[in-house]
Amino acid sequence: MNDKTLKTGTTTVGIVAKDGIVLAADMQATMGNLAVNNNTTKIYKINDSIAMTIAGSVGDAMVLIRYLQNHANLYELEHKRPLSTKSCVTLLSNILNSSKMLPFYSQLIVAGADQELYSLDMLGGFSKEDNFSFSGSGSELALSALDKGYKNNISIKDTIELAKDAITSAKKRDVYTGGDGIKVVIIKKDGIEELPIEKYK
């Protein structure tokens, strides 16, 4: 199957915690009304301090991920320091905007170890988020949980639980959200940690 035709009706969230950022996503890939994979990764590392969630066309998103990963590697080799989150988002925004006549069908969340969280649309518009971000077909359902559970200076532990609640809330009502479990990634100053797959409550 050509991954260009594989689309993820999905739910992903990014939440700012006191000492880091938590990204979470479901693991179901869909093609039309058919669930074709229940173990799909929707969170990717760009470098050792930046990660990104994807929603939309897998093929389009993977092109962007590979480009960003390669650019981040080259940047670090040339400048002897990692690419910043803002620079990564600006580059991504420029790529998306330059292709707006033939857009990448992707909605993206980018988070970095510098405690910065951004959301981007497929035309390159982006915004820095102070508290949380969300994407995908289950966004409205996840947003309800995020609005209810988020508080300032929330701990990493509580943020993980909130992220799981948001994805689970979407799974209950959004037929395109699901899969074998919930993938959770923590981004802190000392690096990126991928947690074991969490089962739905």
N, C-alpha and C. Protein backbone atom coordinates (compact mmCIF):
# COMPACT_ATOMS: atom_id res chain seq x y z
N MET A 1 0.85 -1.20 0.00
CA MET A 1 0.00 0.00 0.00
C MET A 1 0.88 1.24 0.00
N ASN A 2 0.59 2.15 -0.89
CA ASN A 2 1.33 3.40 -0.96
C ASN A 2 0.95 4.27 0.22
N ASP A 3 1.95 4.68 1.04
CA ASP A 3 1.62 5.44 2.24
C ASP A 3 1.08 6.83 1.91
N LYS A 4 1.19 7.23 0.64
CA LYS A 4 0.62 8.52 0.23
C LYS A 4 -0.90 8.49 0.34
N THR A 5 -1.49 7.29 0.24
CA THR A 5 -2.95 7.18 0.30
C THR A 5 -3.43 6.90 1.72
N LEU A 6 -2.49 6.67 2.63
CA LEU A 6 -2.84 6.33 4.00
C LEU A 6 -3.03 7.61 4.81
N LYS A 7 -4.23 7.81 5.31
CA LYS A 7 -4.52 9.03 6.06
C LYS A 7 -4.86 8.68 7.50
N THR A 8 -4.44 9.53 8.40
CA THR A 8 -4.71 9.29 9.81
C THR A 8 -5.80 10.21 10.30
N GLY A 9 -7.01 9.68 10.41
CA GLY A 9 -8.01 10.35 11.22
C GLY A 9 -7.57 10.08 12.64
N THR A 10 -7.16 11.07 13.37
CA THR A 10 -6.34 10.83 14.55
C THR A 10 -6.63 11.85 15.64
N THR A 11 -5.99 11.67 16.77
CA THR A 11 -5.98 12.70 17.82
C THR A 11 -4.58 12.76 18.41
N THR A 12 -4.01 13.96 18.42
CA THR A 12 -2.73 14.17 19.09
C THR A 12 -2.83 15.42 19.96
N VAL A 13 -2.06 15.44 21.04
CA VAL A 13 -2.04 16.60 21.93
C VAL A 13 -0.62 16.90 22.36
N GLY A 14 -0.38 18.17 22.67
CA GLY A 14 0.86 18.61 23.28
C GLY A 14 0.51 19.47 24.48
N ILE A 15 1.13 19.20 25.62
CA ILE A 15 0.78 19.90 26.86
C ILE A 15 2.04 20.40 27.55
N VAL A 16 2.04 21.68 27.92
CA VAL A 16 3.18 22.27 28.62
C VAL A 16 3.06 21.98 30.11
N ALA A 17 4.07 21.36 30.67
CA ALA A 17 4.13 21.07 32.10
C ALA A 17 5.15 22.00 32.77
N LYS A 18 5.26 21.87 34.06
CA LYS A 18 6.18 22.72 34.81
C LYS A 18 7.63 22.52 34.37
N ASP A 19 8.01 21.26 34.13
CA ASP A 19 9.40 20.94 33.82
C ASP A 19 9.57 20.21 32.50
N GLY A 20 8.69 20.49 31.54
CA GLY A 20 8.81 19.83 30.25
C GLY A 20 7.53 19.93 29.45
N ILE A 21 7.49 19.20 28.36
CA ILE A 21 6.30 19.14 27.51
C ILE A 21 5.98 17.68 27.23
N VAL A 22 4.69 17.35 27.28
CA VAL A 22 4.24 15.99 27.01
C VAL A 22 3.48 15.98 25.69
N LEU A 23 3.86 15.06 24.80
CA LEU A 23 3.13 14.81 23.57
C LEU A 23 2.47 13.45 23.67
N ALA A 24 1.26 13.34 23.14
CA ALA A 24 0.56 12.06 23.15
C ALA A 24 -0.26 11.91 21.88
N ALA A 25 -0.45 10.67 21.45
CA ALA A 25 -1.22 10.42 20.23
C ALA A 25 -1.81 9.02 20.28
N ASP A 26 -2.93 8.84 19.59
CA ASP A 26 -3.46 7.50 19.40
C ASP A 26 -2.60 6.77 18.37
N MET A 27 -2.94 5.53 18.04
CA MET A 27 -2.08 4.72 17.18
C MET A 27 -2.82 4.08 16.02
N GLN A 28 -3.99 4.59 15.70
CA GLN A 28 -4.78 4.01 14.61
C GLN A 28 -4.60 4.80 13.32
N ALA A 29 -4.30 4.10 12.23
CA ALA A 29 -4.25 4.72 10.90
C ALA A 29 -5.48 4.28 10.13
N THR A 30 -6.09 5.22 9.44
CA THR A 30 -7.30 4.91 8.69
C THR A 30 -7.14 5.29 7.22
N MET A 31 -7.90 4.61 6.38
CA MET A 31 -8.00 4.93 4.96
C MET A 31 -9.48 4.97 4.64
N GLY A 32 -10.01 6.19 4.51
CA GLY A 32 -11.45 6.32 4.41
C GLY A 32 -12.09 5.91 5.72
N ASN A 33 -13.02 4.98 5.65
CA ASN A 33 -13.68 4.49 6.86
C ASN A 33 -13.08 3.19 7.38
N LEU A 34 -11.93 2.80 6.83
CA LEU A 34 -11.30 1.53 7.18
C LEU A 34 -10.09 1.76 8.08
N ALA A 35 -10.04 1.07 9.21
CA ALA A 35 -8.85 1.09 10.06
C ALA A 35 -7.85 0.09 9.49
N VAL A 36 -6.72 0.59 9.02
CA VAL A 36 -5.76 -0.27 8.32
C VAL A 36 -4.55 -0.64 9.18
N ASN A 37 -4.35 0.07 10.28
CA ASN A 37 -3.21 -0.24 11.14
C ASN A 37 -3.51 0.26 12.55
N ASN A 38 -3.27 -0.58 13.54
CA ASN A 38 -3.54 -0.22 14.93
C ASN A 38 -2.27 0.05 15.73
N ASN A 39 -1.13 0.12 15.04
CA ASN A 39 0.13 0.32 15.75
C ASN A 39 0.98 1.36 15.01
N THR A 40 0.35 2.47 14.65
CA THR A 40 0.99 3.51 13.86
C THR A 40 1.62 4.58 14.76
N THR A 41 2.85 4.94 14.45
CA THR A 41 3.53 6.00 15.19
C THR A 41 3.13 7.35 14.63
N LYS A 42 2.77 8.27 15.51
CA LYS A 42 2.38 9.61 15.09
C LYS A 42 3.19 10.69 15.81
N ILE A 43 4.24 10.27 16.53
CA ILE A 43 5.15 11.21 17.19
C ILE A 43 6.57 10.86 16.75
N TYR A 44 7.29 11.85 16.24
CA TYR A 44 8.63 11.61 15.69
C TYR A 44 9.64 12.60 16.26
N LYS A 45 10.85 12.10 16.49
CA LYS A 45 11.96 12.96 16.90
C LYS A 45 12.53 13.66 15.68
N ILE A 46 12.78 14.97 15.82
CA ILE A 46 13.48 15.71 14.78
C ILE A 46 14.97 15.74 15.09
N ASN A 47 15.31 15.98 16.34
CA ASN A 47 16.67 15.82 16.85
C ASN A 47 16.55 15.42 18.32
N ASP A 48 17.62 15.55 19.08
CA ASP A 48 17.58 15.09 20.47
C ASP A 48 16.82 16.03 21.40
N SER A 49 16.31 17.15 20.87
CA SER A 49 15.59 18.09 21.73
C SER A 49 14.25 18.55 21.16
N ILE A 50 13.88 18.07 19.97
CA ILE A 50 12.63 18.48 19.32
C ILE A 50 11.88 17.25 18.84
N ALA A 51 10.57 17.24 19.08
CA ALA A 51 9.71 16.17 18.57
C ALA A 51 8.45 16.77 17.97
N MET A 52 7.77 15.99 17.12
CA MET A 52 6.62 16.50 16.39
C MET A 52 5.54 15.44 16.29
N THR A 53 4.29 15.86 16.43
CA THR A 53 3.16 14.96 16.18
C THR A 53 2.59 15.27 14.80
N ILE A 54 1.97 14.24 14.20
CA ILE A 54 1.40 14.42 12.86
C ILE A 54 -0.07 14.02 12.86
N ALA A 55 -0.84 14.71 12.03
CA ALA A 55 -2.22 14.33 11.73
C ALA A 55 -2.45 14.68 10.27
N GLY A 56 -3.17 13.83 9.55
CA GLY A 56 -3.41 14.07 8.14
C GLY A 56 -2.79 12.98 7.29
N SER A 57 -2.25 13.35 6.14
CA SER A 57 -1.65 12.38 5.22
C SER A 57 -0.29 11.92 5.74
N VAL A 58 -0.15 10.63 5.92
CA VAL A 58 1.12 10.08 6.40
C VAL A 58 2.24 10.34 5.41
N GLY A 59 1.96 10.16 4.12
CA GLY A 59 3.00 10.38 3.12
C GLY A 59 3.52 11.81 3.14
N ASP A 60 2.61 12.77 3.21
CA ASP A 60 3.02 14.17 3.27
C ASP A 60 3.82 14.46 4.53
N ALA A 61 3.35 13.94 5.65
CA ALA A 61 4.02 14.20 6.93
C ALA A 61 5.42 13.60 6.95
N MET A 62 5.59 12.41 6.38
CA MET A 62 6.89 11.76 6.40
C MET A 62 7.92 12.52 5.56
N VAL A 63 7.48 13.12 4.46
CA VAL A 63 8.38 13.96 3.67
C VAL A 63 8.90 15.12 4.52
N LEU A 64 8.00 15.76 5.25
CA LEU A 64 8.38 16.88 6.11
C LEU A 64 9.32 16.43 7.23
N ILE A 65 9.02 15.30 7.85
CA ILE A 65 9.85 14.79 8.94
C ILE A 65 11.26 14.50 8.46
N ARG A 66 11.39 13.82 7.34
CA ARG A 66 12.73 13.50 6.82
C ARG A 66 13.51 14.77 6.49
N TYR A 67 12.84 15.75 5.92
CA TYR A 67 13.51 17.01 5.59
C TYR A 67 14.01 17.70 6.86
N LEU A 68 13.15 17.78 7.87
CA LEU A 68 13.52 18.45 9.11
C LEU A 68 14.65 17.71 9.83
N GLN A 69 14.58 16.38 9.85
CA GLN A 69 15.63 15.59 10.50
C GLN A 69 16.98 15.82 9.82
N ASN A 70 16.98 15.80 8.50
CA ASN A 70 18.22 16.02 7.76
C ASN A 70 18.76 17.44 7.98
N HIS A 71 17.86 18.42 7.95
CA HIS A 71 18.30 19.81 8.16
C HIS A 71 18.84 19.99 9.58
N ALA A 72 18.17 19.39 10.57
CA ALA A 72 18.64 19.51 11.95
C ALA A 72 20.03 18.90 12.12
N ASN A 73 20.26 17.76 11.47
CA ASN A 73 21.58 17.12 11.54
C ASN A 73 22.65 18.00 10.91
N LEU A 74 22.36 18.54 9.74
CA LEU A 74 23.33 19.40 9.05
C LEU A 74 23.59 20.67 9.85
N TYR A 75 22.53 21.24 10.42
CA TYR A 75 22.68 22.47 11.22
C TYR A 75 23.62 22.23 12.40
N GLU A 76 23.43 21.09 13.07
CA GLU A 76 24.27 20.81 14.24
C GLU A 76 25.72 20.56 13.85
N LEU A 77 25.94 19.92 12.71
CA LEU A 77 27.30 19.70 12.23
C LEU A 77 27.99 21.02 11.89
N GLU A 78 27.27 21.93 11.28
CA GLU A 78 27.85 23.19 10.84
C GLU A 78 28.02 24.19 11.99
N HIS A 79 27.06 24.23 12.91
CA HIS A 79 27.04 25.27 13.94
C HIS A 79 27.44 24.78 15.34
N LYS A 80 27.63 23.47 15.47
CA LYS A 80 28.07 22.87 16.75
C LYS A 80 27.07 23.11 17.88
N ARG A 81 25.82 23.31 17.52
CA ARG A 81 24.75 23.43 18.51
C ARG A 81 23.45 22.95 17.85
N PRO A 82 22.52 22.48 18.65
CA PRO A 82 21.29 21.95 18.06
C PRO A 82 20.38 23.05 17.51
N LEU A 83 19.59 22.70 16.54
CA LEU A 83 18.58 23.59 15.99
C LEU A 83 17.57 23.93 17.07
N SER A 84 17.20 25.20 17.19
CA SER A 84 16.20 25.60 18.19
C SER A 84 14.81 25.26 17.70
N THR A 85 13.88 25.19 18.64
CA THR A 85 12.50 24.89 18.28
C THR A 85 11.93 25.95 17.37
N LYS A 86 12.16 27.23 17.68
CA LYS A 86 11.64 28.33 16.86
C LYS A 86 12.19 28.26 15.45
N SER A 87 13.48 27.96 15.30
CA SER A 87 14.07 27.86 13.97
C SER A 87 13.47 26.70 13.19
N CYS A 88 13.25 25.59 13.88
CA CYS A 88 12.63 24.42 13.24
C CYS A 88 11.23 24.76 12.75
N VAL A 89 10.46 25.44 13.57
CA VAL A 89 9.08 25.80 13.22
C VAL A 89 9.07 26.82 12.08
N THR A 90 9.98 27.77 12.10
CA THR A 90 10.05 28.77 11.03
C THR A 90 10.38 28.10 9.70
N LEU A 91 11.33 27.18 9.71
CA LEU A 91 11.68 26.43 8.50
C LEU A 91 10.47 25.64 8.00
N LEU A 92 9.82 24.94 8.91
CA LEU A 92 8.65 24.14 8.55
C LEU A 92 7.54 25.03 7.98
N SER A 93 7.31 26.17 8.60
CA SER A 93 6.30 27.10 8.12
C SER A 93 6.61 27.57 6.70
N ASN A 94 7.87 27.86 6.43
CA ASN A 94 8.26 28.31 5.09
C ASN A 94 8.05 27.21 4.05
N ILE A 95 8.37 25.98 4.42
CA ILE A 95 8.16 24.85 3.49
C ILE A 95 6.68 24.71 3.17
N LEU A 96 5.85 24.73 4.20
CA LEU A 96 4.41 24.57 4.01
C LEU A 96 3.82 25.71 3.19
N ASN A 97 4.23 26.94 3.49
CA ASN A 97 3.68 28.09 2.77
C ASN A 97 4.11 28.11 1.31
N SER A 98 5.34 27.69 1.04
CA SER A 98 5.83 27.69 -0.35
C SER A 98 5.12 26.64 -1.20
N SER A 99 4.45 25.70 -0.54
CA SER A 99 3.74 24.63 -1.27
C SER A 99 2.23 24.80 -1.17
N LYS A 100 1.75 26.01 -0.90
CA LYS A 100 0.33 26.18 -0.61
C LYS A 100 -0.57 25.92 -1.81
N MET A 101 -0.03 25.98 -3.04
CA MET A 101 -0.84 25.65 -4.20
C MET A 101 -1.02 24.14 -4.33
N LEU A 102 -0.06 23.39 -3.85
CA LEU A 102 -0.15 21.92 -3.76
C LEU A 102 0.25 21.54 -2.34
N PRO A 103 -0.64 21.76 -1.39
CA PRO A 103 -0.26 21.71 0.03
C PRO A 103 0.04 20.30 0.55
N PHE A 104 0.84 20.28 1.62
CA PHE A 104 1.01 19.07 2.40
C PHE A 104 -0.23 18.95 3.31
N TYR A 105 -0.94 17.85 3.18
CA TYR A 105 -2.17 17.70 3.96
C TYR A 105 -1.83 17.18 5.36
N SER A 106 -1.31 18.08 6.17
CA SER A 106 -0.84 17.71 7.50
C SER A 106 -1.13 18.82 8.50
N GLN A 107 -1.47 18.41 9.71
CA GLN A 107 -1.59 19.32 10.85
C GLN A 107 -0.57 18.86 11.87
N LEU A 108 0.24 19.78 12.36
CA LEU A 108 1.43 19.40 13.10
C LEU A 108 1.53 20.12 14.44
N ILE A 109 2.12 19.43 15.41
CA ILE A 109 2.47 20.03 16.71
C ILE A 109 3.96 19.80 16.92
N VAL A 110 4.69 20.86 17.22
CA VAL A 110 6.14 20.77 17.43
C VAL A 110 6.45 21.23 18.85
N ALA A 111 7.27 20.45 19.55
CA ALA A 111 7.65 20.77 20.93
C ALA A 111 9.15 20.61 21.10
N GLY A 112 9.73 21.46 21.96
CA GLY A 112 11.17 21.40 22.16
C GLY A 112 11.57 21.43 23.62
N ALA A 113 12.82 21.05 23.87
CA ALA A 113 13.36 21.01 25.22
C ALA A 113 13.53 22.41 25.81
N ASP A 114 13.43 23.43 24.97
CA ASP A 114 13.48 24.81 25.46
C ASP A 114 12.11 25.27 25.96
N GLN A 115 11.21 24.31 26.19
CA GLN A 115 9.89 24.58 26.78
C GLN A 115 9.00 25.40 25.84
N GLU A 116 9.15 25.15 24.52
CA GLU A 116 8.33 25.84 23.54
C GLU A 116 7.44 24.84 22.80
N LEU A 117 6.18 25.22 22.63
CA LEU A 117 5.19 24.37 21.97
C LEU A 117 4.51 25.18 20.88
N TYR A 118 4.42 24.59 19.67
CA TYR A 118 3.83 25.28 18.53
C TYR A 118 2.83 24.37 17.81
N SER A 119 1.81 24.97 17.23
CA SER A 119 0.91 24.24 16.34
C SER A 119 0.99 24.89 14.96
N LEU A 120 0.91 24.04 13.91
CA LEU A 120 1.00 24.53 12.54
C LEU A 120 -0.12 23.94 11.70
N ASP A 121 -0.63 24.77 10.77
CA ASP A 121 -1.61 24.27 9.83
C ASP A 121 -0.92 23.96 8.50
N MET A 122 -1.66 23.44 7.54
CA MET A 122 -1.03 22.93 6.32
C MET A 122 -0.56 24.05 5.38
N LEU A 123 -0.93 25.30 5.65
CA LEU A 123 -0.46 26.41 4.83
C LEU A 123 0.70 27.16 5.46
N GLY A 124 1.16 26.67 6.62
CA GLY A 124 2.33 27.26 7.25
C GLY A 124 2.03 28.23 8.36
N GLY A 125 0.75 28.47 8.61
CA GLY A 125 0.42 29.31 9.76
C GLY A 125 0.79 28.61 11.05
N PHE A 126 1.38 29.33 11.99
CA PHE A 126 1.74 28.69 13.26
C PHE A 126 1.51 29.64 14.42
N SER A 127 1.34 29.03 15.58
CA SER A 127 1.18 29.82 16.80
C SER A 127 1.90 29.13 17.94
N LYS A 128 2.48 29.94 18.82
CA LYS A 128 3.12 29.41 20.01
C LYS A 128 2.05 29.23 21.08
N GLU A 129 2.02 28.06 21.69
CA GLU A 129 0.99 27.74 22.66
C GLU A 129 1.56 27.80 24.08
N ASP A 130 0.88 28.51 24.96
CA ASP A 130 1.35 28.64 26.34
C ASP A 130 0.97 27.43 27.20
N ASN A 131 -0.15 26.79 26.88
CA ASN A 131 -0.66 25.72 27.74
C ASN A 131 -0.73 24.36 27.03
N PHE A 132 -1.46 24.30 25.93
CA PHE A 132 -1.59 23.02 25.22
C PHE A 132 -2.01 23.25 23.78
N SER A 133 -1.86 22.18 22.99
CA SER A 133 -2.28 22.19 21.60
C SER A 133 -2.90 20.84 21.27
N PHE A 134 -3.61 20.76 20.16
CA PHE A 134 -4.31 19.52 19.79
C PHE A 134 -4.46 19.49 18.28
N SER A 135 -4.61 18.30 17.71
CA SER A 135 -4.79 18.17 16.27
C SER A 135 -5.55 16.89 15.95
N GLY A 136 -6.10 16.85 14.75
CA GLY A 136 -6.76 15.64 14.27
C GLY A 136 -8.26 15.65 14.40
N SER A 137 -8.85 14.55 13.98
CA SER A 137 -10.31 14.46 13.90
C SER A 137 -10.97 14.44 15.27
N GLY A 138 -10.24 14.07 16.31
CA GLY A 138 -10.80 14.03 17.66
C GLY A 138 -10.49 15.25 18.49
N SER A 139 -10.07 16.33 17.83
CA SER A 139 -9.61 17.54 18.53
C SER A 139 -10.63 18.09 19.51
N GLU A 140 -11.88 18.23 19.05
CA GLU A 140 -12.89 18.85 19.91
C GLU A 140 -13.13 18.04 21.18
N LEU A 141 -13.08 16.72 21.04
CA LEU A 141 -13.29 15.85 22.20
C LEU A 141 -12.11 15.93 23.16
N ALA A 142 -10.90 15.96 22.60
CA ALA A 142 -9.70 16.09 23.44
C ALA A 142 -9.67 17.45 24.13
N LEU A 143 -10.10 18.49 23.42
CA LEU A 143 -10.07 19.84 23.97
C LEU A 143 -10.91 19.95 25.23
N SER A 144 -12.04 19.26 25.26
CA SER A 144 -12.89 19.29 26.45
C SER A 144 -12.14 18.79 27.67
N ALA A 145 -11.41 17.69 27.51
CA ALA A 145 -10.63 17.13 28.62
C ALA A 145 -9.48 18.06 29.01
N LEU A 146 -8.84 18.67 28.02
CA LEU A 146 -7.72 19.57 28.29
C LEU A 146 -8.19 20.81 29.04
N ASP A 147 -9.30 21.39 28.59
CA ASP A 147 -9.84 22.57 29.27
C ASP A 147 -10.19 22.27 30.73
N LYS A 148 -10.74 21.09 30.94
CA LYS A 148 -11.18 20.72 32.29
C LYS A 148 -10.00 20.40 33.21
N GLY A 149 -8.97 19.76 32.68
CA GLY A 149 -7.92 19.23 33.54
C GLY A 149 -6.65 20.05 33.65
N TYR A 150 -6.45 21.02 32.74
CA TYR A 150 -5.18 21.74 32.75
C TYR A 150 -5.13 22.80 33.84
N LYS A 151 -3.95 22.91 34.46
CA LYS A 151 -3.72 23.99 35.43
C LYS A 151 -2.27 24.45 35.30
N ASN A 152 -2.01 25.68 35.68
CA ASN A 152 -0.66 26.22 35.60
C ASN A 152 0.29 25.45 36.50
N ASN A 153 1.55 25.32 36.04
CA ASN A 153 2.60 24.62 36.79
C ASN A 153 2.22 23.16 37.07
N ILE A 154 1.50 22.55 36.16
CA ILE A 154 1.13 21.15 36.30
C ILE A 154 2.39 20.27 36.24
N SER A 155 2.44 19.24 37.05
CA SER A 155 3.61 18.35 37.09
C SER A 155 3.64 17.45 35.86
N ILE A 156 4.80 16.91 35.57
CA ILE A 156 4.93 15.96 34.45
C ILE A 156 4.00 14.76 34.66
N LYS A 157 3.97 14.24 35.87
CA LYS A 157 3.12 13.08 36.16
C LYS A 157 1.66 13.38 35.86
N ASP A 158 1.17 14.51 36.34
CA ASP A 158 -0.23 14.87 36.11
C ASP A 158 -0.48 15.20 34.64
N THR A 159 0.52 15.74 33.96
CA THR A 159 0.39 16.06 32.54
C THR A 159 0.24 14.79 31.71
N ILE A 160 0.99 13.76 32.07
CA ILE A 160 0.87 12.48 31.37
C ILE A 160 -0.55 11.93 31.51
N GLU A 161 -1.08 11.99 32.71
CA GLU A 161 -2.45 11.50 32.94
C GLU A 161 -3.47 12.33 32.16
N LEU A 162 -3.26 13.65 32.12
CA LEU A 162 -4.17 14.51 31.37
C LEU A 162 -4.11 14.20 29.88
N ALA A 163 -2.92 13.98 29.37
CA ALA A 163 -2.76 13.63 27.96
C ALA A 163 -3.48 12.33 27.63
N LYS A 164 -3.33 11.35 28.49
CA LYS A 164 -4.02 10.06 28.30
C LYS A 164 -5.53 10.24 28.35
N ASP A 165 -6.00 11.06 29.27
CA ASP A 165 -7.45 11.33 29.37
C ASP A 165 -7.97 11.98 28.09
N ALA A 166 -7.20 12.92 27.54
CA ALA A 166 -7.62 13.63 26.34
C ALA A 166 -7.74 12.67 25.15
N ILE A 167 -6.74 11.81 24.97
CA ILE A 167 -6.77 10.86 23.86
C ILE A 167 -7.89 9.84 24.06
N THR A 168 -8.06 9.39 25.29
CA THR A 168 -9.12 8.42 25.59
C THR A 168 -10.50 9.02 25.34
N SER A 169 -10.68 10.28 25.71
CA SER A 169 -11.96 10.96 25.48
C SER A 169 -12.28 11.01 23.99
N ALA A 170 -11.26 11.26 23.17
CA ALA A 170 -11.47 11.29 21.73
C ALA A 170 -11.81 9.90 21.19
N LYS A 171 -11.13 8.88 21.71
CA LYS A 171 -11.36 7.52 21.22
C LYS A 171 -12.80 7.07 21.47
N LYS A 172 -13.38 7.51 22.55
CA LYS A 172 -14.73 7.06 22.90
C LYS A 172 -15.77 7.48 21.88
N ARG A 173 -15.57 8.63 21.22
CA ARG A 173 -16.60 9.16 20.32
C ARG A 173 -16.13 9.35 18.87
N ASP A 174 -14.83 9.43 18.65
CA ASP A 174 -14.31 9.63 17.30
C ASP A 174 -13.90 8.29 16.70
N VAL A 175 -14.57 7.86 15.65
CA VAL A 175 -14.31 6.53 15.08
C VAL A 175 -12.94 6.44 14.43
N TYR A 176 -12.30 7.57 14.15
CA TYR A 176 -11.00 7.56 13.50
C TYR A 176 -9.85 7.59 14.49
N THR A 177 -10.16 7.64 15.78
CA THR A 177 -9.14 7.62 16.83
C THR A 177 -9.18 6.26 17.52
N GLY A 178 -8.03 5.64 17.71
CA GLY A 178 -8.03 4.33 18.35
C GLY A 178 -6.67 3.66 18.29
N GLY A 179 -6.65 2.40 17.91
CA GLY A 179 -5.40 1.66 17.84
C GLY A 179 -5.13 0.87 19.11
N ASP A 180 -3.92 0.33 19.20
CA ASP A 180 -3.55 -0.56 20.30
C ASP A 180 -3.35 0.16 21.63
N GLY A 181 -3.16 1.48 21.59
CA GLY A 181 -2.92 2.20 22.83
C GLY A 181 -2.57 3.65 22.56
N ILE A 182 -1.96 4.28 23.55
CA ILE A 182 -1.60 5.69 23.48
C ILE A 182 -0.08 5.82 23.57
N LYS A 183 0.50 6.51 22.60
CA LYS A 183 1.93 6.78 22.66
C LYS A 183 2.17 8.10 23.36
N VAL A 184 3.08 8.09 24.34
CA VAL A 184 3.39 9.29 25.12
C VAL A 184 4.89 9.56 25.06
N VAL A 185 5.25 10.80 24.77
CA VAL A 185 6.65 11.22 24.72
C VAL A 185 6.82 12.43 25.62
N ILE A 186 7.88 12.42 26.44
CA ILE A 186 8.18 13.53 27.32
C ILE A 186 9.43 14.25 26.81
N ILE A 187 9.35 15.57 26.70
CA ILE A 187 10.48 16.37 26.24
C ILE A 187 10.92 17.27 27.38
N LYS A 188 12.15 17.05 27.84
CA LYS A 188 12.69 17.84 28.94
C LYS A 188 14.06 18.38 28.54
N LYS A 189 14.63 19.20 29.40
CA LYS A 189 15.92 19.81 29.07
C LYS A 189 17.02 18.78 28.84
N ASP A 190 16.90 17.63 29.50
CA ASP A 190 17.93 16.61 29.35
C ASP A 190 17.64 15.60 28.24
N GLY A 191 16.59 15.85 27.44
CA GLY A 191 16.35 14.97 26.31
C GLY A 191 14.90 14.55 26.15
N ILE A 192 14.70 13.57 25.27
CA ILE A 192 13.37 13.08 24.93
C ILE A 192 13.22 11.65 25.42
N GLU A 193 12.12 11.40 26.13
CA GLU A 193 11.85 10.07 26.67
C GLU A 193 10.54 9.54 26.10
N GLU A 194 10.60 8.36 25.54
CA GLU A 194 9.39 7.71 25.00
C GLU A 194 8.92 6.66 26.00
N LEU A 195 7.71 6.79 26.48
CA LEU A 195 7.17 5.88 27.47
C LEU A 195 6.62 4.62 26.81
N PRO A 196 6.51 3.53 27.57
CA PRO A 196 5.85 2.33 27.03
C PRO A 196 4.42 2.66 26.60
N ILE A 197 3.93 1.95 25.61
CA ILE A 197 2.59 2.21 25.09
C ILE A 197 1.56 2.02 26.21
N GLU A 198 0.71 3.03 26.37
CA GLU A 198 -0.33 2.98 27.41
C GLU A 198 -1.64 2.42 26.83
N LYS A 199 -2.24 1.50 27.52
CA LYS A 199 -3.52 0.97 27.11
C LYS A 199 -4.62 1.96 27.46
N TYR A 200 -5.72 1.92 26.70
CA TYR A 200 -6.84 2.80 26.99
C TYR A 200 -7.53 2.39 28.28
N LYS A 201 -8.04 3.39 28.98
CA LYS A 201 -8.71 3.13 30.25
C LYS A 201 -10.07 2.49 29.99
